[in-house]
Amino acid sequence: MFTRTKFTQWKQQLLDNASELFSKDKANSATADATLKDLHAKISLLTMENVFLSKVLDR
């Protein structure tokens, strides 16, 4: 449940850290790139598994 106090805390956190949210820090960028590559690899793997299973189960 959202309360006025919780909302006020979230708003204050956003105001305190908004510059970090939109910064182009190299460390954050490298981590994000690695995470993105991992996600793309996982998507590719799941896609291949789905294609394989759909072919096997259609028999």
PDB file of N, CA and C in Angstrom:
ATOM      1  N   MET A   1       0.840  -1.184   0.000  1.00  0.00           N
ATOM      2  CA  MET A   1       0.000   0.000   0.000  1.00  0.00           C
ATOM      3  C   MET A   1       0.886   1.247   0.000  1.00  0.00           C
ATOM      4  N   PHE A   2       0.513   2.194  -0.798  1.00  0.00           N
ATOM      5  CA  PHE A   2       1.270   3.439  -0.865  1.00  0.00           C
ATOM      6  C   PHE A   2       0.782   4.396   0.210  1.00  0.00           C
ATOM      7  N   THR A   3       1.725   4.889   0.938  1.00  0.00           N
ATOM      8  CA  THR A   3       1.388   5.891   1.946  1.00  0.00           C
ATOM      9  C   THR A   3       2.094   7.187   1.585  1.00  0.00           C
ATOM     10  N   ARG A   4       1.626   8.234   2.142  1.00  0.00           N
ATOM     11  CA  ARG A   4       2.235   9.540   1.886  1.00  0.00           C
ATOM     12  C   ARG A   4       3.693   9.534   2.328  1.00  0.00           C
ATOM     13  N   THR A   5       3.988   8.888   3.448  1.00  0.00           N
ATOM     14  CA  THR A   5       5.362   8.826   3.954  1.00  0.00           C
ATOM     15  C   THR A   5       6.266   8.080   2.989  1.00  0.00           C
ATOM     16  N   LYS A   6       5.816   6.928   2.485  1.00  0.00           N
ATOM     17  CA  LYS A   6       6.607   6.136   1.557  1.00  0.00           C
ATOM     18  C   LYS A   6       6.853   6.915   0.264  1.00  0.00           C
ATOM     19  N   PHE A   7       5.810   7.535  -0.243  1.00  0.00           N
ATOM     20  CA  PHE A   7       5.938   8.327  -1.458  1.00  0.00           C
ATOM     21  C   PHE A   7       6.941   9.464  -1.246  1.00  0.00           C
ATOM     22  N   THR A   8       6.894  10.116  -0.119  1.00  0.00           N
ATOM     23  CA  THR A   8       7.811  11.207   0.189  1.00  0.00           C
ATOM     24  C   THR A   8       9.248  10.699   0.247  1.00  0.00           C
ATOM     25  N   GLN A   9       9.451   9.511   0.817  1.00  0.00           N
ATOM     26  CA  GLN A   9      10.793   8.928   0.873  1.00  0.00           C
ATOM     27  C   GLN A   9      11.310   8.630  -0.525  1.00  0.00           C
ATOM     28  N   TRP A  10      10.472   8.037  -1.373  1.00  0.00           N
ATOM     29  CA  TRP A  10      10.875   7.717  -2.737  1.00  0.00           C
ATOM     30  C   TRP A  10      11.207   8.985  -3.518  1.00  0.00           C
ATOM     31  N   LYS A  11      10.383   9.991  -3.330  1.00  0.00           N
ATOM     32  CA  LYS A  11      10.620  11.255  -4.030  1.00  0.00           C
ATOM     33  C   LYS A  11      11.955  11.861  -3.609  1.00  0.00           C
ATOM     34  N   GLN A  12      12.242  11.817  -2.316  1.00  0.00           N
ATOM     35  CA  GLN A  12      13.498  12.363  -1.815  1.00  0.00           C
ATOM     36  C   GLN A  12      14.687  11.570  -2.343  1.00  0.00           C
ATOM     37  N   GLN A  13      14.551  10.239  -2.414  1.00  0.00           N
ATOM     38  CA  GLN A  13      15.623   9.411  -2.961  1.00  0.00           C
ATOM     39  C   GLN A  13      15.869   9.761  -4.432  1.00  0.00           C
ATOM     40  N   LEU A  14      14.800   9.950  -5.170  1.00  0.00           N
ATOM     41  CA  LEU A  14      14.942  10.322  -6.572  1.00  0.00           C
ATOM     42  C   LEU A  14      15.634  11.670  -6.704  1.00  0.00           C
ATOM     43  N   LEU A  15      15.209  12.635  -5.941  1.00  0.00           N
ATOM     44  CA  LEU A  15      15.816  13.958  -6.019  1.00  0.00           C
ATOM     45  C   LEU A  15      17.283  13.919  -5.614  1.00  0.00           C
ATOM     46  N   ASP A  16      17.626  13.087  -4.629  1.00  0.00           N
ATOM     47  CA  ASP A  16      19.015  12.989  -4.177  1.00  0.00           C
ATOM     48  C   ASP A  16      19.899  12.273  -5.187  1.00  0.00           C
ATOM     49  N   ASN A  17      19.336  11.328  -5.940  1.00  0.00           N
ATOM     50  CA  ASN A  17      20.144  10.472  -6.804  1.00  0.00           C
ATOM     51  C   ASN A  17      19.829  10.600  -8.286  1.00  0.00           C
ATOM     52  N   ALA A  18      19.067  11.583  -8.685  1.00  0.00           N
ATOM     53  CA  ALA A  18      18.665  11.717 -10.082  1.00  0.00           C
ATOM     54  C   ALA A  18      19.860  11.895 -11.012  1.00  0.00           C
ATOM     55  N   SER A  19      20.869  12.587 -10.567  1.00  0.00           N
ATOM     56  CA  SER A  19      22.038  12.793 -11.433  1.00  0.00           C
ATOM     57  C   SER A  19      22.734  11.474 -11.736  1.00  0.00           C
ATOM     58  N   GLU A  20      22.756  10.545 -10.795  1.00  0.00           N
ATOM     59  CA  GLU A  20      23.359   9.231 -11.030  1.00  0.00           C
ATOM     60  C   GLU A  20      22.528   8.425 -12.021  1.00  0.00           C
ATOM     61  N   LEU A  21      21.240   8.615 -11.972  1.00  0.00           N
ATOM     62  CA  LEU A  21      20.342   7.866 -12.841  1.00  0.00           C
ATOM     63  C   LEU A  21      20.614   8.167 -14.309  1.00  0.00           C
ATOM     64  N   PHE A  22      20.930   9.417 -14.623  1.00  0.00           N
ATOM     65  CA  PHE A  22      21.120   9.830 -16.004  1.00  0.00           C
ATOM     66  C   PHE A  22      22.575  10.083 -16.373  1.00  0.00           C
ATOM     67  N   SER A  23      23.500   9.732 -15.497  1.00  0.00           N
ATOM     68  CA  SER A  23      24.915   9.956 -15.803  1.00  0.00           C
ATOM     69  C   SER A  23      25.400   8.910 -16.792  1.00  0.00           C
ATOM     70  N   LYS A  24      26.458   9.250 -17.497  1.00  0.00           N
ATOM     71  CA  LYS A  24      27.050   8.333 -18.465  1.00  0.00           C
ATOM     72  C   LYS A  24      28.376   7.831 -17.918  1.00  0.00           C
ATOM     73  N   ASP A  25      28.323   7.326 -16.718  1.00  0.00           N
ATOM     74  CA  ASP A  25      29.512   6.808 -16.044  1.00  0.00           C
ATOM     75  C   ASP A  25      30.027   5.580 -16.777  1.00  0.00           C
ATOM     76  N   LYS A  26      31.322   5.519 -17.013  1.00  0.00           N
ATOM     77  CA  LYS A  26      31.929   4.411 -17.755  1.00  0.00           C
ATOM     78  C   LYS A  26      31.732   3.081 -17.032  1.00  0.00           C
ATOM     79  N   ALA A  27      31.855   3.067 -15.712  1.00  0.00           N
ATOM     80  CA  ALA A  27      31.709   1.816 -14.958  1.00  0.00           C
ATOM     81  C   ALA A  27      30.299   1.267 -15.095  1.00  0.00           C
ATOM     82  N   ASN A  28      29.321   2.124 -14.973  1.00  0.00           N
ATOM     83  CA  ASN A  28      27.931   1.687 -15.124  1.00  0.00           C
ATOM     84  C   ASN A  28      27.655   1.233 -16.544  1.00  0.00           C
ATOM     85  N   SER A  29      28.250   1.909 -17.500  1.00  0.00           N
ATOM     86  CA  SER A  29      28.058   1.573 -18.901  1.00  0.00           C
ATOM     87  C   SER A  29      28.634   0.198 -19.207  1.00  0.00           C
ATOM     88  N   ALA A  30      29.806  -0.094 -18.683  1.00  0.00           N
ATOM     89  CA  ALA A  30      30.436  -1.392 -18.911  1.00  0.00           C
ATOM     90  C   ALA A  30      29.607  -2.508 -18.288  1.00  0.00           C
ATOM     91  N   THR A  31      29.097  -2.269 -17.109  1.00  0.00           N
ATOM     92  CA  THR A  31      28.254  -3.262 -16.439  1.00  0.00           C
ATOM     93  C   THR A  31      26.971  -3.465 -17.217  1.00  0.00           C
ATOM     94  N   ALA A  32      26.392  -2.395 -17.695  1.00  0.00           N
ATOM     95  CA  ALA A  32      25.155  -2.489 -18.465  1.00  0.00           C
ATOM     96  C   ALA A  32      25.398  -3.229 -19.775  1.00  0.00           C
ATOM     97  N   ASP A  33      26.526  -2.986 -20.421  1.00  0.00           N
ATOM     98  CA  ASP A  33      26.862  -3.683 -21.660  1.00  0.00           C
ATOM     99  C   ASP A  33      27.017  -5.184 -21.425  1.00  0.00           C
ATOM    100  N   ALA A  34      27.682  -5.545 -20.335  1.00  0.00           N
ATOM    101  CA  ALA A  34      27.866  -6.959 -20.007  1.00  0.00           C
ATOM    102  C   ALA A  34      26.522  -7.617 -19.722  1.00  0.00           C
ATOM    103  N   THR A  35      25.670  -6.926 -18.990  1.00  0.00           N
ATOM    104  CA  THR A  35      24.348  -7.457 -18.678  1.00  0.00           C
ATOM    105  C   THR A  35      23.530  -7.610 -19.955  1.00  0.00           C
ATOM    106  N   LEU A  36      23.616  -6.649 -20.837  1.00  0.00           N
ATOM    107  CA  LEU A  36      22.879  -6.705 -22.095  1.00  0.00           C
ATOM    108  C   LEU A  36      23.351  -7.878 -22.944  1.00  0.00           C
ATOM    109  N   LYS A  37      24.642  -8.098 -22.998  1.00  0.00           N
ATOM    110  CA  LYS A  37      25.178  -9.235 -23.754  1.00  0.00           C
ATOM    111  C   LYS A  37      24.702 -10.551 -23.155  1.00  0.00           C
ATOM    112  N   ASP A  38      24.688 -10.646 -21.826  1.00  0.00           N
ATOM    113  CA  ASP A  38      24.193 -11.860 -21.162  1.00  0.00           C
ATOM    114  C   ASP A  38      22.723 -12.095 -21.482  1.00  0.00           C
ATOM    115  N   LEU A  39      21.940 -11.030 -21.483  1.00  0.00           N
ATOM    116  CA  LEU A  39      20.512 -11.155 -21.787  1.00  0.00           C
ATOM    117  C   LEU A  39      20.288 -11.576 -23.236  1.00  0.00           C
ATOM    118  N   HIS A  40      21.059 -11.016 -24.153  1.00  0.00           N
ATOM    119  CA  HIS A  40      20.943 -11.408 -25.559  1.00  0.00           C
ATOM    120  C   HIS A  40      21.312 -12.877 -25.747  1.00  0.00           C
ATOM    121  N   ALA A  41      22.350 -13.322 -25.048  1.00  0.00           N
ATOM    122  CA  ALA A  41      22.746 -14.734 -25.134  1.00  0.00           C
ATOM    123  C   ALA A  41      21.642 -15.633 -24.603  1.00  0.00           C
ATOM    124  N   LYS A  42      21.029 -15.245 -23.503  1.00  0.00           N
ATOM    125  CA  LYS A  42      19.948 -16.043 -22.926  1.00  0.00           C
ATOM    126  C   LYS A  42      18.740 -16.077 -23.861  1.00  0.00           C
ATOM    127  N   ILE A  43      18.416 -14.960 -24.462  1.00  0.00           N
ATOM    128  CA  ILE A  43      17.295 -14.908 -25.418  1.00  0.00           C
ATOM    129  C   ILE A  43      17.571 -15.833 -26.591  1.00  0.00           C
ATOM    130  N   SER A  44      18.807 -15.814 -27.097  1.00  0.00           N
ATOM    131  CA  SER A  44      19.164 -16.689 -28.220  1.00  0.00           C
ATOM    132  C   SER A  44      19.031 -18.154 -27.834  1.00  0.00           C
ATOM    133  N   LEU A  45      19.509 -18.497 -26.655  1.00  0.00           N
ATOM    134  CA  LEU A  45      19.424 -19.875 -26.183  1.00  0.00           C
ATOM    135  C   LEU A  45      17.971 -20.321 -26.047  1.00  0.00           C
ATOM    136  N   LEU A  46      17.146 -19.488 -25.436  1.00  0.00           N
ATOM    137  CA  LEU A  46      15.738 -19.836 -25.261  1.00  0.00           C
ATOM    138  C   LEU A  46      15.011 -19.939 -26.594  1.00  0.00           C
ATOM    139  N   THR A  47      15.366 -19.101 -27.533  1.00  0.00           N
ATOM    140  CA  THR A  47      14.764 -19.169 -28.864  1.00  0.00           C
ATOM    141  C   THR A  47      15.119 -20.486 -29.549  1.00  0.00           C
ATOM    142  N   MET A  48      16.394 -20.870 -29.463  1.00  0.00           N
ATOM    143  CA  MET A  48      16.808 -22.137 -30.061  1.00  0.00           C
ATOM    144  C   MET A  48      16.100 -23.319 -29.395  1.00  0.00           C
ATOM    145  N   GLU A  49      15.960 -23.269 -28.079  1.00  0.00           N
ATOM    146  CA  GLU A  49      15.262 -24.343 -27.369  1.00  0.00           C
ATOM    147  C   GLU A  49      13.799 -24.416 -27.793  1.00  0.00           C
ATOM    148  N   ASN A  50      13.177 -23.274 -27.950  1.00  0.00           N
ATOM    149  CA  ASN A  50      11.771 -23.253 -28.369  1.00  0.00           C
ATOM    150  C   ASN A  50      11.597 -23.828 -29.772  1.00  0.00           C
ATOM    151  N   VAL A  51      12.482 -23.466 -30.675  1.00  0.00           N
ATOM    152  CA  VAL A  51      12.416 -23.985 -32.043  1.00  0.00           C
ATOM    153  C   VAL A  51      12.614 -25.499 -32.033  1.00  0.00           C
ATOM    154  N   PHE A  52      13.615 -25.946 -31.288  1.00  0.00           N
ATOM    155  CA  PHE A  52      13.890 -27.379 -31.202  1.00  0.00           C
ATOM    156  C   PHE A  52      12.695 -28.132 -30.626  1.00  0.00           C
ATOM    157  N   LEU A  53      12.170 -27.640 -29.508  1.00  0.00           N
ATOM    158  CA  LEU A  53      11.059 -28.329 -28.868  1.00  0.00           C
ATOM    159  C   LEU A  53       9.798 -28.319 -29.733  1.00  0.00           C
ATOM    160  N   SER A  54       9.574 -27.220 -30.437  1.00  0.00           N
ATOM    161  CA  SER A  54       8.385 -27.170 -31.297  1.00  0.00           C
ATOM    162  C   SER A  54       8.496 -28.187 -32.424  1.00  0.00           C
ATOM    163  N   LYS A  55       9.708 -28.395 -32.956  1.00  0.00           N
ATOM    164  CA  LYS A  55       9.907 -29.386 -34.016  1.00  0.00           C
ATOM    165  C   LYS A  55       9.764 -30.800 -33.469  1.00  0.00           C
ATOM    166  N   VAL A  56      10.314 -31.054 -32.299  1.00  0.00           N
ATOM    167  CA  VAL A  56      10.249 -32.382 -31.700  1.00  0.00           C
ATOM    168  C   VAL A  56       8.808 -32.731 -31.310  1.00  0.00           C
ATOM    169  N   LEU A  57       8.104 -31.802 -30.750  1.00  0.00           N
ATOM    170  CA  LEU A  57       6.742 -32.071 -30.265  1.00  0.00           C
ATOM    171  C   LEU A  57       5.707 -32.120 -31.380  1.00  0.00           C
ATOM    172  N   ASP A  58       6.020 -31.566 -32.540  1.00  0.00           N
ATOM    173  CA  ASP A  58       5.082 -31.602 -33.664  1.00  0.00           C
ATOM    174  C   ASP A  58       5.042 -32.954 -34.340  1.00  0.00           C
ATOM    175  N   ARG A  59       5.966 -33.835 -34.059  1.00  0.00           N
ATOM    176  CA  ARG A  59       6.017 -35.151 -34.701  1.00  0.00           C
ATOM    177  C   ARG A  59       4.868 -36.004 -34.307  1.00  0.00           C
TER     178      ARG A  59
END
